[in-house]
PDB file of all heavy atoms in Angstrom:
ATOM      1  N   ALA A   1       1.802  -8.194   7.353  1.00  0.00           N
ATOM      2  CA  ALA A   1       1.154  -7.994   6.152  1.00  0.00           C
ATOM      3  C   ALA A   1       0.149  -6.919   6.265  1.00  0.00           C
ATOM      4  O   ALA A   1      -0.486  -6.619   7.375  1.00  0.00           O
ATOM      5  CB  ALA A   1       0.359  -9.309   5.609  1.00  0.00           C
ATOM      6  N   SER A   2      -0.092  -6.113   5.291  1.00  0.00           N
ATOM      7  CA  SER A   2      -1.064  -5.009   5.221  1.00  0.00           C
ATOM      8  C   SER A   2      -1.530  -4.614   3.935  1.00  0.00           C
ATOM      9  O   SER A   2      -1.026  -5.007   2.844  1.00  0.00           O
ATOM     10  CB  SER A   2      -0.568  -3.737   6.032  1.00  0.00           C
ATOM     11  OG  SER A   2       0.443  -3.187   5.184  1.00  0.00           O
ATOM     12  N   VAL A   3      -2.789  -3.961   3.940  1.00  0.00           N
ATOM     13  CA  VAL A   3      -3.398  -3.591   2.626  1.00  0.00           C
ATOM     14  C   VAL A   3      -3.812  -2.186   2.896  1.00  0.00           C
ATOM     15  O   VAL A   3      -4.355  -1.823   3.825  1.00  0.00           O
ATOM     16  CB  VAL A   3      -4.669  -4.400   2.344  1.00  0.00           C
ATOM     17  CG1 VAL A   3      -5.436  -3.904   1.175  1.00  0.00           C
ATOM     18  CG2 VAL A   3      -4.410  -5.944   2.107  1.00  0.00           C
ATOM     19  N   GLN A   4      -3.535  -1.360   1.814  1.00  0.00           N
ATOM     20  CA  GLN A   4      -3.887  -0.035   1.890  1.00  0.00           C
ATOM     21  C   GLN A   4      -4.727   0.303   0.597  1.00  0.00           C
ATOM     22  O   GLN A   4      -4.365  -0.158  -0.562  1.00  0.00           O
ATOM     23  CB  GLN A   4      -2.619   0.948   1.784  1.00  0.00           C
ATOM     24  CG  GLN A   4      -1.610   0.769   2.975  1.00  0.00           C
ATOM     25  CD  GLN A   4      -2.351   1.210   4.306  1.00  0.00           C
ATOM     26  OE1 GLN A   4      -3.134   2.325   4.307  1.00  0.00           O
ATOM     27  NE2 GLN A   4      -2.102   0.582   5.320  1.00  0.00           N
ATOM     28  N   LEU A   5      -5.768   1.191   0.872  1.00  0.00           N
ATOM     29  CA  LEU A   5      -6.783   1.480  -0.149  1.00  0.00           C
ATOM     30  C   LEU A   5      -6.643   2.999  -0.475  1.00  0.00           C
ATOM     31  O   LEU A   5      -6.745   3.784   0.468  1.00  0.00           O
ATOM     32  CB  LEU A   5      -8.048   0.962   0.182  1.00  0.00           C
ATOM     33  CG  LEU A   5      -8.290  -0.412   0.472  1.00  0.00           C
ATOM     34  CD1 LEU A   5      -9.856  -0.548   0.845  1.00  0.00           C
ATOM     35  CD2 LEU A   5      -7.986  -1.199  -0.859  1.00  0.00           C
ATOM     36  N   MET A   6      -6.683   3.455  -1.752  1.00  0.00           N
ATOM     37  CA  MET A   6      -6.802   4.788  -2.140  1.00  0.00           C
ATOM     38  C   MET A   6      -8.051   4.834  -2.843  1.00  0.00           C
ATOM     39  O   MET A   6      -8.295   4.027  -3.970  1.00  0.00           O
ATOM     40  CB  MET A   6      -5.519   5.401  -3.084  1.00  0.00           C
ATOM     41  CG  MET A   6      -5.757   6.594  -3.580  1.00  0.00           C
ATOM     42  SD  MET A   6      -4.252   7.192  -4.436  1.00  0.00           S
ATOM     43  CE  MET A   6      -3.156   7.790  -3.022  1.00  0.00           C
ATOM     44  N   LEU A   7      -8.957   5.807  -2.476  1.00  0.00           N
ATOM     45  CA  LEU A   7     -10.395   5.708  -2.887  1.00  0.00           C
ATOM     46  C   LEU A   7     -10.627   7.057  -3.590  1.00  0.00           C
ATOM     47  O   LEU A   7     -10.119   8.121  -3.234  1.00  0.00           O
ATOM     48  CB  LEU A   7     -11.298   5.432  -1.810  1.00  0.00           C
ATOM     49  CG  LEU A   7     -11.137   4.203  -1.017  1.00  0.00           C
ATOM     50  CD1 LEU A   7     -12.091   4.154   0.079  1.00  0.00           C
ATOM     51  CD2 LEU A   7     -11.304   2.950  -1.984  1.00  0.00           C
ATOM     52  N   HIS A   8     -11.582   6.927  -4.600  1.00  0.00           N
ATOM     53  CA  HIS A   8     -12.092   8.253  -5.125  1.00  0.00           C
ATOM     54  C   HIS A   8     -13.084   8.700  -4.105  1.00  0.00           C
ATOM     55  O   HIS A   8     -13.870   7.948  -3.568  1.00  0.00           O
ATOM     56  CB  HIS A   8     -12.921   7.937  -6.435  1.00  0.00           C
ATOM     57  CG  HIS A   8     -12.075   7.707  -7.684  1.00  0.00           C
ATOM     58  ND1 HIS A   8     -11.362   8.739  -8.300  1.00  0.00           N
ATOM     59  CD2 HIS A   8     -11.711   6.496  -8.296  1.00  0.00           C
ATOM     60  CE1 HIS A   8     -10.756   8.202  -9.477  1.00  0.00           C
ATOM     61  NE2 HIS A   8     -11.058   6.770  -9.340  1.00  0.00           N
ATOM     62  N   PRO A   9     -12.932   9.985  -3.603  1.00  0.00           N
ATOM     63  CA  PRO A   9     -13.896  10.538  -2.674  1.00  0.00           C
ATOM     64  C   PRO A   9     -15.295  10.807  -3.202  1.00  0.00           C
ATOM     65  O   PRO A   9     -15.721  12.039  -3.279  1.00  0.00           O
ATOM     66  CB  PRO A   9     -13.089  11.755  -2.205  1.00  0.00           C
ATOM     67  CG  PRO A   9     -12.389  12.183  -3.330  1.00  0.00           C
ATOM     68  CD  PRO A   9     -11.940  10.996  -4.003  1.00  0.00           C
ATOM     69  N   ASP A  10     -16.018   9.844  -3.738  1.00  0.00           N
ATOM     70  CA  ASP A  10     -17.164   9.918  -4.273  1.00  0.00           C
ATOM     71  C   ASP A  10     -18.196   9.276  -3.356  1.00  0.00           C
ATOM     72  O   ASP A  10     -17.817   8.675  -2.317  1.00  0.00           O
ATOM     73  CB  ASP A  10     -17.483   9.463  -5.683  1.00  0.00           C
ATOM     74  CG  ASP A  10     -17.085   7.921  -5.791  1.00  0.00           C
ATOM     75  OD1 ASP A  10     -16.939   7.311  -4.847  1.00  0.00           O
ATOM     76  OD2 ASP A  10     -16.884   7.508  -7.049  1.00  0.00           O
ATOM     77  N   GLN A  11     -19.580   9.356  -3.713  1.00  0.00           N
ATOM     78  CA  GLN A  11     -20.606   8.830  -2.640  1.00  0.00           C
ATOM     79  C   GLN A  11     -20.306   7.256  -2.526  1.00  0.00           C
ATOM     80  O   GLN A  11     -20.824   6.672  -1.556  1.00  0.00           O
ATOM     81  CB  GLN A  11     -22.001   9.001  -3.103  1.00  0.00           C
ATOM     82  CG  GLN A  11     -22.404   8.378  -4.470  1.00  0.00           C
ATOM     83  CD  GLN A  11     -23.752   8.869  -4.862  1.00  0.00           C
ATOM     84  OE1 GLN A  11     -23.992  10.064  -4.903  1.00  0.00           O
ATOM     85  NE2 GLN A  11     -24.657   7.922  -5.143  1.00  0.00           N
ATOM     86  N   PHE A  12     -19.614   6.490  -3.393  1.00  0.00           N
ATOM     87  CA  PHE A  12     -19.472   5.151  -3.271  1.00  0.00           C
ATOM     88  C   PHE A  12     -18.111   4.711  -2.815  1.00  0.00           C
ATOM     89  O   PHE A  12     -17.848   3.548  -2.844  1.00  0.00           O
ATOM     90  CB  PHE A  12     -19.870   4.337  -4.581  1.00  0.00           C
ATOM     91  CG  PHE A  12     -21.285   4.771  -5.161  1.00  0.00           C
ATOM     92  CD1 PHE A  12     -21.480   5.629  -6.161  1.00  0.00           C
ATOM     93  CD2 PHE A  12     -22.277   4.203  -4.583  1.00  0.00           C
ATOM     94  CE1 PHE A  12     -22.798   5.882  -6.666  1.00  0.00           C
ATOM     95  CE2 PHE A  12     -23.647   4.499  -4.944  1.00  0.00           C
ATOM     96  CZ  PHE A  12     -23.736   5.314  -5.958  1.00  0.00           C
ATOM     97  N   ASN A  13     -17.226   5.766  -2.759  1.00  0.00           N
ATOM     98  CA  ASN A  13     -15.790   5.353  -2.443  1.00  0.00           C
ATOM     99  C   ASN A  13     -15.143   4.358  -3.408  1.00  0.00           C
ATOM    100  O   ASN A  13     -14.626   3.268  -3.039  1.00  0.00           O
ATOM    101  CB  ASN A  13     -15.607   4.856  -0.985  1.00  0.00           C
ATOM    102  CG  ASN A  13     -15.842   6.062   0.065  1.00  0.00           C
ATOM    103  OD1 ASN A  13     -15.316   7.208  -0.238  1.00  0.00           O
ATOM    104  ND2 ASN A  13     -16.471   5.763   1.103  1.00  0.00           N
ATOM    105  N   ASN A  14     -15.369   4.639  -4.713  1.00  0.00           N
ATOM    106  CA  ASN A  14     -14.857   3.795  -5.741  1.00  0.00           C
ATOM    107  C   ASN A  14     -13.317   3.635  -5.491  1.00  0.00           C
ATOM    108  O   ASN A  14     -12.565   4.593  -5.310  1.00  0.00           O
ATOM    109  CB  ASN A  14     -15.138   4.233  -7.119  1.00  0.00           C
ATOM    110  CG  ASN A  14     -16.546   3.892  -7.505  1.00  0.00           C
ATOM    111  OD1 ASN A  14     -16.938   2.791  -7.769  1.00  0.00           O
ATOM    112  ND2 ASN A  14     -17.436   4.983  -7.465  1.00  0.00           N
ATOM    113  N   LEU A  15     -12.822   2.410  -5.706  1.00  0.00           N
ATOM    114  CA  LEU A  15     -11.421   2.151  -5.532  1.00  0.00           C
ATOM    115  C   LEU A  15     -10.586   2.694  -6.738  1.00  0.00           C
ATOM    116  O   LEU A  15     -10.951   2.641  -7.843  1.00  0.00           O
ATOM    117  CB  LEU A  15     -11.220   0.554  -5.651  1.00  0.00           C
ATOM    118  CG  LEU A  15      -9.793   0.147  -5.404  1.00  0.00           C
ATOM    119  CD1 LEU A  15      -9.183   0.475  -4.096  1.00  0.00           C
ATOM    120  CD2 LEU A  15      -9.757  -1.436  -5.593  1.00  0.00           C
ATOM    121  N   PHE A  16      -9.456   3.330  -6.357  1.00  0.00           N
ATOM    122  CA  PHE A  16      -8.548   3.875  -7.257  1.00  0.00           C
ATOM    123  C   PHE A  16      -7.392   2.811  -7.293  1.00  0.00           C
ATOM    124  O   PHE A  16      -6.867   2.499  -8.381  1.00  0.00           O
ATOM    125  CB  PHE A  16      -8.087   5.294  -6.980  1.00  0.00           C
ATOM    126  CG  PHE A  16      -7.011   5.821  -7.776  1.00  0.00           C
ATOM    127  CD1 PHE A  16      -7.281   6.444  -9.129  1.00  0.00           C
ATOM    128  CD2 PHE A  16      -5.805   5.906  -7.400  1.00  0.00           C
ATOM    129  CE1 PHE A  16      -6.374   6.990  -9.813  1.00  0.00           C
ATOM    130  CE2 PHE A  16      -4.742   6.322  -8.179  1.00  0.00           C
ATOM    131  CZ  PHE A  16      -5.006   6.996  -9.395  1.00  0.00           C
ATOM    132  N   LEU A  17      -6.723   2.576  -6.117  1.00  0.00           N
ATOM    133  CA  LEU A  17      -5.574   1.774  -6.055  1.00  0.00           C
ATOM    134  C   LEU A  17      -5.612   0.965  -4.739  1.00  0.00           C
ATOM    135  O   LEU A  17      -6.039   1.485  -3.725  1.00  0.00           O
ATOM    136  CB  LEU A  17      -4.368   2.744  -5.899  1.00  0.00           C
ATOM    137  CG  LEU A  17      -3.072   2.123  -5.633  1.00  0.00           C
ATOM    138  CD1 LEU A  17      -2.639   1.191  -6.699  1.00  0.00           C
ATOM    139  CD2 LEU A  17      -1.926   3.172  -5.380  1.00  0.00           C
ATOM    140  N   GLU A  18      -5.173  -0.278  -4.817  1.00  0.00           N
ATOM    141  CA  GLU A  18      -4.991  -1.138  -3.753  1.00  0.00           C
ATOM    142  C   GLU A  18      -3.616  -1.557  -3.698  1.00  0.00           C
ATOM    143  O   GLU A  18      -3.055  -1.995  -4.704  1.00  0.00           O
ATOM    144  CB  GLU A  18      -6.087  -2.287  -3.634  1.00  0.00           C
ATOM    145  CG  GLU A  18      -5.698  -3.320  -2.613  1.00  0.00           C
ATOM    146  CD  GLU A  18      -6.627  -4.505  -2.708  1.00  0.00           C
ATOM    147  OE1 GLU A  18      -7.783  -4.417  -2.355  1.00  0.00           O
ATOM    148  OE2 GLU A  18      -6.126  -5.425  -3.221  1.00  0.00           O
ATOM    149  N   LEU A  19      -2.987  -1.476  -2.650  1.00  0.00           N
ATOM    150  CA  LEU A  19      -1.622  -2.019  -2.402  1.00  0.00           C
ATOM    151  C   LEU A  19      -1.542  -2.981  -1.303  1.00  0.00           C
ATOM    152  O   LEU A  19      -1.911  -2.768  -0.150  1.00  0.00           O
ATOM    153  CB  LEU A  19      -0.688  -0.746  -2.039  1.00  0.00           C
ATOM    154  CG  LEU A  19       0.135  -0.043  -3.232  1.00  0.00           C
ATOM    155  CD1 LEU A  19       0.873   1.047  -2.564  1.00  0.00           C
ATOM    156  CD2 LEU A  19       0.910  -1.017  -3.925  1.00  0.00           C
ATOM    157  N   GLN A  20      -1.089  -4.222  -1.609  1.00  0.00           N
ATOM    158  CA  GLN A  20      -1.031  -5.224  -0.655  1.00  0.00           C
ATOM    159  C   GLN A  20       0.428  -5.579  -0.357  1.00  0.00           C
ATOM    160  O   GLN A  20       1.276  -5.997  -1.224  1.00  0.00           O
ATOM    161  CB  GLN A  20      -1.747  -6.633  -1.256  1.00  0.00           C
ATOM    162  CG  GLN A  20      -3.164  -6.462  -1.567  1.00  0.00           C
ATOM    163  CD  GLN A  20      -3.537  -7.701  -2.303  1.00  0.00           C
ATOM    164  OE1 GLN A  20      -2.830  -8.620  -2.799  1.00  0.00           O
ATOM    165  NE2 GLN A  20      -4.916  -7.860  -2.484  1.00  0.00           N
ATOM    166  N   PHE A  21       0.796  -5.494   0.969  1.00  0.00           N
ATOM    167  CA  PHE A  21       2.160  -5.646   1.449  1.00  0.00           C
ATOM    168  C   PHE A  21       2.156  -7.077   2.116  1.00  0.00           C
ATOM    169  O   PHE A  21       1.453  -7.301   3.024  1.00  0.00           O
ATOM    170  CB  PHE A  21       2.517  -4.598   2.377  1.00  0.00           C
ATOM    171  CG  PHE A  21       2.704  -3.188   1.594  1.00  0.00           C
ATOM    172  CD1 PHE A  21       1.602  -2.368   1.613  1.00  0.00           C
ATOM    173  CD2 PHE A  21       3.799  -2.776   1.059  1.00  0.00           C
ATOM    174  CE1 PHE A  21       1.674  -1.148   1.012  1.00  0.00           C
ATOM    175  CE2 PHE A  21       3.976  -1.555   0.558  1.00  0.00           C
ATOM    176  CZ  PHE A  21       2.907  -0.695   0.490  1.00  0.00           C
ATOM    177  N   SER A  22       3.178  -7.849   1.782  1.00  0.00           N
ATOM    178  CA  SER A  22       3.435  -9.086   2.483  1.00  0.00           C
ATOM    179  C   SER A  22       4.425  -8.708   3.614  1.00  0.00           C
ATOM    180  O   SER A  22       5.051  -7.793   3.662  1.00  0.00           O
ATOM    181  CB  SER A  22       4.147 -10.178   1.568  1.00  0.00           C
ATOM    182  OG  SER A  22       3.333 -10.566   0.561  1.00  0.00           O
ATOM    183  N   ALA A  23       4.358  -9.534   4.676  1.00  0.00           N
ATOM    184  CA  ALA A  23       5.289  -9.492   5.773  1.00  0.00           C
ATOM    185  C   ALA A  23       6.550  -9.686   5.170  1.00  0.00           C
ATOM    186  O   ALA A  23       6.876 -10.544   4.313  1.00  0.00           O
ATOM    187  CB  ALA A  23       5.022 -10.576   6.883  1.00  0.00           C
ATOM    188  N   GLY A  24       7.710  -8.882   5.555  1.00  0.00           N
ATOM    189  CA  GLY A  24       9.048  -8.874   5.019  1.00  0.00           C
ATOM    190  C   GLY A  24       9.287  -8.346   3.610  1.00  0.00           C
ATOM    191  O   GLY A  24      10.141  -8.545   3.028  1.00  0.00           O
ATOM    192  N   SER A  25       8.365  -7.535   3.233  1.00  0.00           N
ATOM    193  CA  SER A  25       8.459  -6.994   1.843  1.00  0.00           C
ATOM    194  C   SER A  25       9.323  -5.876   1.633  1.00  0.00           C
ATOM    195  O   SER A  25       9.980  -5.705   0.660  1.00  0.00           O
ATOM    196  CB  SER A  25       7.125  -6.484   1.343  1.00  0.00           C
ATOM    197  OG  SER A  25       6.584  -5.446   1.977  1.00  0.00           O
ATOM    198  N   LEU A  26       9.705  -5.208   2.812  1.00  0.00           N
ATOM    199  CA  LEU A  26      10.561  -4.089   2.775  1.00  0.00           C
ATOM    200  C   LEU A  26      12.027  -4.594   2.826  1.00  0.00           C
ATOM    201  O   LEU A  26      12.279  -5.280   3.836  1.00  0.00           O
ATOM    202  CB  LEU A  26      10.353  -3.063   3.971  1.00  0.00           C
ATOM    203  CG  LEU A  26       9.001  -2.564   4.193  1.00  0.00           C
ATOM    204  CD1 LEU A  26       8.826  -1.915   5.496  1.00  0.00           C
ATOM    205  CD2 LEU A  26       8.691  -1.620   2.997  1.00  0.00           C
ATOM    206  N   GLU A  27      12.851  -4.136   1.842  1.00  0.00           N
ATOM    207  CA  GLU A  27      14.150  -4.631   1.821  1.00  0.00           C
ATOM    208  C   GLU A  27      15.221  -3.596   2.228  1.00  0.00           C
ATOM    209  O   GLU A  27      16.135  -3.750   2.981  1.00  0.00           O
ATOM    210  CB  GLU A  27      14.623  -5.206   0.366  1.00  0.00           C
ATOM    211  CG  GLU A  27      15.889  -5.763   0.349  1.00  0.00           C
ATOM    212  CD  GLU A  27      16.075  -6.562  -0.926  1.00  0.00           C
ATOM    213  OE1 GLU A  27      15.719  -7.838  -1.007  1.00  0.00           O
ATOM    214  OE2 GLU A  27      16.637  -6.022  -1.889  1.00  0.00           O
ATOM    215  N   ALA A  28      15.019  -2.509   1.550  1.00  0.00           N
ATOM    216  CA  ALA A  28      16.026  -1.337   1.912  1.00  0.00           C
ATOM    217  C   ALA A  28      15.416   0.012   1.642  1.00  0.00           C
ATOM    218  O   ALA A  28      14.509   0.133   0.822  1.00  0.00           O
ATOM    219  CB  ALA A  28      17.329  -1.457   1.004  1.00  0.00           C
ATOM    220  N   VAL A  29      15.930   1.105   2.291  1.00  0.00           N
ATOM    221  CA  VAL A  29      15.737   2.404   1.910  1.00  0.00           C
ATOM    222  C   VAL A  29      17.090   3.167   1.739  1.00  0.00           C
ATOM    223  O   VAL A  29      17.909   3.040   2.626  1.00  0.00           O
ATOM    224  CB  VAL A  29      14.813   3.099   3.027  1.00  0.00           C
ATOM    225  CG1 VAL A  29      14.664   4.562   2.779  1.00  0.00           C
ATOM    226  CG2 VAL A  29      13.578   2.360   3.233  1.00  0.00           C
ATOM    227  N   ASN A  30      17.237   3.713   0.499  1.00  0.00           N
ATOM    228  CA  ASN A  30      18.438   4.356   0.161  1.00  0.00           C
ATOM    229  C   ASN A  30      19.663   3.488   0.388  1.00  0.00           C
ATOM    230  O   ASN A  30      20.702   4.029   0.893  1.00  0.00           O
ATOM    231  CB  ASN A  30      18.603   5.809   0.910  1.00  0.00           C
ATOM    232  CG  ASN A  30      17.508   6.604   0.505  1.00  0.00           C
ATOM    233  OD1 ASN A  30      17.102   6.722  -0.631  1.00  0.00           O
ATOM    234  ND2 ASN A  30      16.839   7.501   1.430  1.00  0.00           N
ATOM    235  N   GLY A  31      19.529   2.180   0.116  1.00  0.00           N
ATOM    236  CA  GLY A  31      20.658   1.291   0.281  1.00  0.00           C
ATOM    237  C   GLY A  31      20.863   0.743   1.681  1.00  0.00           C
ATOM    238  O   GLY A  31      21.544  -0.158   1.870  1.00  0.00           O
ATOM    239  N   GLU A  32      20.091   1.254   2.627  1.00  0.00           N
ATOM    240  CA  GLU A  32      20.194   0.811   4.087  1.00  0.00           C
ATOM    241  C   GLU A  32      19.191  -0.270   4.256  1.00  0.00           C
ATOM    242  O   GLU A  32      18.042  -0.126   3.994  1.00  0.00           O
ATOM    243  CB  GLU A  32      19.988   1.832   5.054  1.00  0.00           C
ATOM    244  CG  GLU A  32      21.093   3.016   5.155  1.00  0.00           C
ATOM    245  CD  GLU A  32      22.437   2.427   5.517  1.00  0.00           C
ATOM    246  OE1 GLU A  32      22.632   1.574   6.473  1.00  0.00           O
ATOM    247  OE2 GLU A  32      23.459   2.877   4.803  1.00  0.00           O
ATOM    248  N   PRO A  33      19.593  -1.581   4.717  1.00  0.00           N
ATOM    249  CA  PRO A  33      18.759  -2.581   4.929  1.00  0.00           C
ATOM    250  C   PRO A  33      17.580  -2.285   5.923  1.00  0.00           C
ATOM    251  O   PRO A  33      17.747  -1.614   6.799  1.00  0.00           O
ATOM    252  CB  PRO A  33      19.547  -3.779   5.428  1.00  0.00           C
ATOM    253  CG  PRO A  33      21.037  -3.370   5.124  1.00  0.00           C
ATOM    254  CD  PRO A  33      20.993  -1.910   5.040  1.00  0.00           C
ATOM    255  N   VAL A  34      16.392  -2.889   5.735  1.00  0.00           N
ATOM    256  CA  VAL A  34      15.324  -2.736   6.666  1.00  0.00           C
ATOM    257  C   VAL A  34      15.089  -4.005   7.406  1.00  0.00           C
ATOM    258  O   VAL A  34      15.005  -5.064   6.841  1.00  0.00           O
ATOM    259  CB  VAL A  34      14.020  -2.435   5.825  1.00  0.00           C
ATOM    260  CG1 VAL A  34      12.742  -2.240   6.795  1.00  0.00           C
ATOM    261  CG2 VAL A  34      14.126  -1.026   5.136  1.00  0.00           C
TER     262      VAL A  34
END
């Protein structure tokens, strides 16, 4: 599992986007299983 944060580069590093990935979340890339 992992969490990635995309922040506004301001003095407070305000959050723009948070993406939370569970273990096993990746299924396929271009039809090829992961």
